[in-house]
């Protein structure tokens, strides 16, 4: 399998400034395309900003900006993963991450596990589906989702090669966030033999929250492949050697999923 170039965008995402955030997102996509990237990944709710109790910034998906991002994906042959507070046609509100790819309709992941701060306002998603682009199978989880190991296992069993973890996590310093991610995201990569990529918002969001800017990449061997700290908008590109997946998954003592006893979990 060919190498894959992934750009993680640490982005400042003020609340109730959708046009501003979209304009910045478009610029980052174009910059990633100039680096010949295959994936450009934005933080959770980068388009709307993160303020769970303020549902006035929820956005429907029937707008011209959807077409704009579709055109960008088509023009640059790139996958764009971008997030928002979604107002569904049913009236329900979701924490949603969208997937734009050439020649495909927009796809979405709706956050499955809601934090105690989000549960009063958002509805839970239920779909653990896997997406595909340029021969790579990938899943998406949002922030609080990362603390539930079985979700990553489900995605790995569905043949995910990469799991992306966009975050809107305002707690702690960059150093504290780094230590937290290294505890649980290392396990998600190592236990499931998948690449893991995580990226957070950064800075003040005009709604009383301040985000430590950070991104990380882990290999399917569980080792840290890259870490970046930022105090403003920043893009970092990682080149993933996809042959490492086969190396890990053909090793009898480094690939554990085939030997799990799923029947015991149901008892």
Protein backbone atom coordinates (compact mmCIF):
# COMPACT_ATOMS: atom_id res chain seq x y z
CA UNK A 1 0.00 0.00 0.00
CA UNK A 2 1.27 3.47 -0.86
CA UNK A 3 2.29 6.05 1.72
CA UNK A 4 -0.49 8.39 2.83
CA UNK A 5 -0.02 12.06 3.67
CA UNK A 6 -2.23 13.35 6.51
CA UNK A 7 -2.47 17.01 7.51
CA UNK A 8 -3.78 17.73 11.01
CA UNK A 9 -5.03 21.30 11.47
CA UNK A 10 -4.89 22.84 14.93
CA UNK A 11 -7.48 25.59 14.50
CA UNK A 12 -8.91 28.45 16.51
CA UNK A 13 -12.70 28.14 16.21
CA UNK A 14 -14.71 31.04 17.67
CA UNK A 15 -18.37 30.38 18.37
CA UNK A 16 -21.06 31.99 16.19
CA UNK A 17 -18.57 32.93 13.47
CA UNK A 18 -19.37 30.26 10.90
CA UNK A 19 -18.30 32.25 7.82
CA UNK A 20 -14.99 33.16 9.45
CA UNK A 21 -14.32 29.53 10.41
CA UNK A 22 -15.34 28.25 6.97
CA UNK A 23 -13.05 30.74 5.22
CA UNK A 24 -10.14 29.65 7.39
CA UNK A 25 -10.98 26.00 6.76
CA UNK A 26 -10.97 26.53 2.99
CA UNK A 27 -7.55 28.21 3.21
CA UNK A 28 -6.16 25.30 5.23
CA UNK A 29 -7.51 22.78 2.71
CA UNK A 30 -5.85 24.65 -0.15
CA UNK A 31 -2.58 24.80 1.78
CA UNK A 32 -2.73 21.07 2.51
CA UNK A 33 -3.39 20.38 -1.17
CA UNK A 34 -0.22 22.29 -2.07
CA UNK A 35 1.63 19.79 0.11
CA UNK A 36 0.07 16.94 -1.89
CA UNK A 37 -1.85 15.67 1.13
CA UNK A 38 -4.41 12.91 0.90
CA UNK A 39 -6.33 13.77 4.09
CA UNK A 40 -6.84 17.10 5.85
CA UNK A 41 -8.37 16.73 9.30
CA UNK A 42 -9.90 19.51 11.41
CA UNK A 43 -10.87 19.58 15.09
CA UNK A 44 -14.30 18.72 16.41
CA UNK A 45 -16.86 21.46 15.63
CA UNK A 46 -14.26 23.62 13.88
CA UNK A 47 -16.91 25.25 11.68
CA UNK A 48 -19.36 26.25 14.41
CA UNK A 49 -17.11 26.42 17.46
CA UNK A 50 -17.75 24.50 20.67
CA UNK A 51 -20.36 25.75 23.14
CA UNK A 52 -22.75 22.89 23.97
CA UNK A 53 -25.35 24.99 25.74
CA UNK A 54 -25.62 27.46 22.83
CA UNK A 55 -27.61 25.67 20.13
CA UNK A 56 -28.18 28.83 18.11
CA UNK A 57 -25.08 28.02 16.07
CA UNK A 58 -26.38 24.62 14.89
CA UNK A 59 -26.23 24.25 11.11
CA UNK A 60 -28.20 22.19 8.63
CA UNK A 61 -26.49 20.34 5.79
CA UNK A 62 -28.59 21.76 2.95
CA UNK A 63 -26.43 24.79 2.20
CA UNK A 64 -24.11 26.12 -0.52
CA UNK A 65 -21.05 25.69 1.72
CA UNK A 66 -21.49 21.92 1.37
CA UNK A 67 -21.05 22.35 -2.39
CA UNK A 68 -17.96 24.50 -1.84
CA UNK A 69 -16.21 21.83 0.21
CA UNK A 70 -17.30 19.15 -2.26
CA UNK A 71 -15.71 21.14 -5.06
CA UNK A 72 -12.49 21.51 -3.08
CA UNK A 73 -12.30 17.76 -2.44
CA UNK A 74 -12.89 17.13 -6.14
CA UNK A 75 -10.41 19.76 -7.32
CA UNK A 76 -7.56 18.60 -5.10
CA UNK A 77 -8.38 14.86 -4.93
CA UNK A 78 -8.32 15.10 -1.16
CA UNK A 79 -10.46 13.90 1.75
CA UNK A 80 -11.67 16.72 4.01
CA UNK A 81 -12.78 15.87 7.57
CA UNK A 82 -14.49 18.85 9.19
CA UNK A 83 -16.87 19.28 12.11
CA UNK A 84 -19.91 21.23 13.27
CA UNK A 85 -22.98 21.30 15.46
CA UNK A 86 -25.54 19.72 13.15
CA UNK A 87 -29.25 20.46 13.19
CA UNK A 88 -30.86 17.43 11.57
CA UNK A 89 -34.08 17.61 9.59
CA UNK A 90 -35.72 15.84 12.55
CA UNK A 91 -34.82 18.81 14.72
CA UNK A 92 -32.30 16.80 16.76
CA UNK A 93 -28.86 18.29 17.44
CA UNK A 94 -25.69 16.26 16.88
CA UNK A 95 -21.96 16.71 17.27
CA UNK A 96 -21.06 15.75 13.71
CA UNK A 97 -17.94 15.32 11.62
CA UNK A 98 -18.33 15.42 7.85
CA UNK A 99 -16.30 13.57 5.24
CA UNK A 100 -15.87 15.11 1.79
CA UNK A 101 -14.27 12.96 -0.95
CA UNK A 102 -14.11 13.25 -4.73
CA UNK A 103 -17.07 11.77 -6.62
CA UNK A 104 -18.89 10.75 -3.45
CA UNK A 105 -21.75 12.31 -1.49
CA UNK A 106 -20.87 13.94 1.80
CA UNK A 107 -20.72 11.38 4.61
CA UNK A 108 -20.89 11.97 8.34
CA UNK A 109 -20.06 10.58 11.75
CA UNK A 110 -22.29 11.59 14.66
CA UNK A 111 -20.68 11.47 18.09
CA UNK A 112 -21.71 8.31 19.92
CA UNK A 113 -20.55 9.04 23.47
CA UNK A 114 -21.57 12.43 24.85
CA UNK A 115 -19.80 13.94 27.84
CA UNK A 116 -21.86 15.02 30.87
CA UNK A 117 -21.55 18.60 29.60
CA UNK A 118 -22.99 17.68 26.19
CA UNK A 119 -25.66 15.10 26.99
CA UNK A 120 -28.35 17.65 27.99
CA UNK A 121 -28.15 19.30 24.57
CA UNK A 122 -27.09 16.78 21.91
CA UNK A 123 -28.46 13.49 20.65
CA UNK A 124 -26.21 10.43 20.39
CA UNK A 125 -25.18 8.95 17.08
CA UNK A 126 -25.27 5.18 16.58
CA UNK A 127 -23.31 4.49 13.40
CA UNK A 128 -19.81 3.02 13.70
CA UNK A 129 -19.36 2.89 9.94
CA UNK A 130 -15.99 2.93 8.20
CA UNK A 131 -15.15 5.21 5.27
CA UNK A 132 -12.74 4.58 2.40
CA UNK A 133 -10.44 6.82 0.37
CA UNK A 134 -7.43 5.97 -1.81
CA UNK A 135 -7.54 2.38 -0.60
CA UNK A 136 -7.45 3.39 3.07
CA UNK A 137 -10.25 2.40 5.45
CA UNK A 138 -10.77 4.90 8.25
CA UNK A 139 -13.02 5.64 11.17
CA UNK A 140 -13.81 8.81 13.09
CA UNK A 141 -14.40 9.33 16.80
CA UNK A 142 -14.97 12.64 18.53
CA UNK A 143 -13.16 13.63 21.73
CA UNK A 144 -15.05 11.87 24.57
CA UNK A 145 -15.51 8.83 22.32
CA UNK A 146 -11.80 8.10 22.76
CA UNK A 147 -12.34 6.95 26.35
CA UNK A 148 -14.40 3.91 25.34
CA UNK A 149 -12.03 1.18 24.11
CA UNK A 150 -14.71 -1.03 22.57
CA UNK A 151 -15.55 1.63 19.97
CA UNK A 152 -12.05 1.46 18.55
CA UNK A 153 -12.20 -2.33 18.60
CA UNK A 154 -15.47 -2.28 16.65
CA UNK A 155 -13.88 -0.04 14.02
CA UNK A 156 -10.76 -2.20 13.86
CA UNK A 157 -12.91 -5.30 13.35
CA UNK A 158 -14.53 -3.43 10.45
CA UNK A 159 -11.05 -3.20 8.89
CA UNK A 160 -10.13 0.38 9.82
CA UNK A 161 -6.52 1.28 9.02
CA UNK A 162 -6.67 4.74 10.62
CA UNK A 163 -8.92 6.16 13.32
CA UNK A 164 -9.13 9.94 13.43
CA UNK A 165 -9.91 11.63 16.77
CA UNK A 166 -10.90 15.28 16.26
CA UNK A 167 -11.18 17.03 19.63
CA UNK A 168 -12.74 20.11 21.16
CA UNK A 169 -11.18 19.61 24.58
CA UNK A 170 -10.66 22.79 26.62
CA UNK A 171 -9.20 21.29 29.76
CA UNK A 172 -5.58 21.63 30.84
CA UNK A 173 -2.33 22.91 29.43
CA UNK A 174 -0.77 21.49 26.27
CA UNK A 175 1.53 19.43 28.48
CA UNK A 176 -1.36 18.02 30.49
CA UNK A 177 -3.32 17.25 27.34
CA UNK A 178 -0.26 15.54 25.87
CA UNK A 179 0.07 13.31 28.94
CA UNK A 180 -3.62 12.41 28.84
CA UNK A 181 -3.62 11.52 25.15
CA UNK A 182 -0.48 9.42 25.51
CA UNK A 183 -2.20 7.32 28.16
CA UNK A 184 -5.31 6.31 26.24
CA UNK A 185 -4.62 6.97 22.54
CA UNK A 186 -1.47 4.85 22.69
CA UNK A 187 -3.67 1.96 23.80
CA UNK A 188 -6.21 2.53 21.02
CA UNK A 189 -3.44 2.27 18.43
CA UNK A 190 -1.51 -0.62 19.99
CA UNK A 191 -4.43 -2.85 20.97
CA UNK A 192 -6.09 -2.57 17.56
CA UNK A 193 -3.07 -2.27 15.24
CA UNK A 194 -4.31 0.95 13.64
CA UNK A 195 -2.86 4.38 13.03
CA UNK A 196 -4.37 6.95 15.40
CA UNK A 197 -4.44 10.68 14.65
CA UNK A 198 -5.77 13.31 17.05
CA UNK A 199 -6.11 17.08 16.77
CA UNK A 200 -7.58 19.73 19.08
CA UNK A 201 -8.89 23.25 18.77
CA UNK A 202 -6.64 26.06 20.05
CA UNK A 203 -7.05 29.29 21.96
CA UNK A 204 -10.02 31.33 23.17
CA UNK A 205 -13.34 30.58 21.47
CA UNK A 206 -15.30 33.72 22.51
CA UNK A 207 -17.58 31.57 24.68
CA UNK A 208 -15.41 31.38 27.79
CA UNK A 209 -13.35 28.34 26.80
CA UNK A 210 -9.62 28.13 26.08
CA UNK A 211 -8.21 25.13 24.20
CA UNK A 212 -4.66 23.76 24.41
CA UNK A 213 -3.47 23.42 20.83
CA UNK A 214 -2.08 19.96 20.18
CA UNK A 215 -2.00 17.21 17.57
CA UNK A 216 -0.59 13.68 17.68
CA UNK A 217 0.01 10.73 15.41
CA UNK A 218 0.52 7.14 16.62
CA UNK A 219 1.60 4.16 14.56
CA UNK A 220 -0.14 0.76 14.63
CA UNK A 221 2.74 -0.41 16.82
CA UNK A 222 1.55 2.02 19.51
CA UNK A 223 4.60 4.26 19.24
CA UNK A 224 4.24 8.02 19.02
CA UNK A 225 5.00 9.05 15.43
CA UNK A 226 4.62 12.80 15.85
CA UNK A 227 3.44 15.45 18.31
CA UNK A 228 2.88 19.16 17.81
CA UNK A 229 2.03 21.94 20.25
CA UNK A 230 0.58 25.22 18.98
CA UNK A 231 -0.63 28.51 20.44
CA UNK A 232 -2.41 29.57 17.26
CA UNK A 233 -3.52 28.08 13.95
CA UNK A 234 -1.04 25.48 12.75
CA UNK A 235 -0.90 22.67 10.20
CA UNK A 236 1.29 19.60 10.53
CA UNK A 237 1.68 16.93 7.87
CA UNK A 238 2.53 13.31 8.60
CA UNK A 239 3.62 10.73 6.04
CA UNK A 240 2.22 7.34 7.01
CA UNK A 241 4.04 4.22 5.84
CA UNK A 242 1.02 2.00 5.28
CA UNK A 243 3.23 -1.09 4.89
CA UNK A 244 3.67 -0.92 8.66
CA UNK A 245 0.10 -2.21 8.99
CA UNK A 246 0.97 -5.46 7.24
CA UNK A 247 4.18 -5.77 9.24
CA UNK A 248 2.24 -5.56 12.52
CA UNK A 249 -0.77 -7.58 11.41
CA UNK A 250 1.27 -10.54 10.19
CA UNK A 251 3.24 -10.78 13.45
CA UNK A 252 1.86 -13.53 15.68
CA UNK A 253 2.69 -11.69 18.90
CA UNK A 254 1.87 -8.11 17.87
CA UNK A 255 -1.63 -8.46 16.40
CA UNK A 256 -4.19 -9.46 18.98
CA UNK A 257 -7.63 -8.98 17.43
CA UNK A 258 -7.77 -12.36 15.63
CA UNK A 259 -7.42 -14.14 18.98
CA UNK A 260 -10.00 -12.24 21.01
CA UNK A 261 -12.80 -14.38 22.49
CA UNK A 262 -15.78 -12.21 21.65
CA UNK A 263 -18.20 -14.82 22.98
CA UNK A 264 -17.08 -14.09 26.56
CA UNK A 265 -18.04 -10.42 26.24
CA UNK A 266 -21.67 -11.33 25.61
CA UNK A 267 -21.99 -13.60 28.64
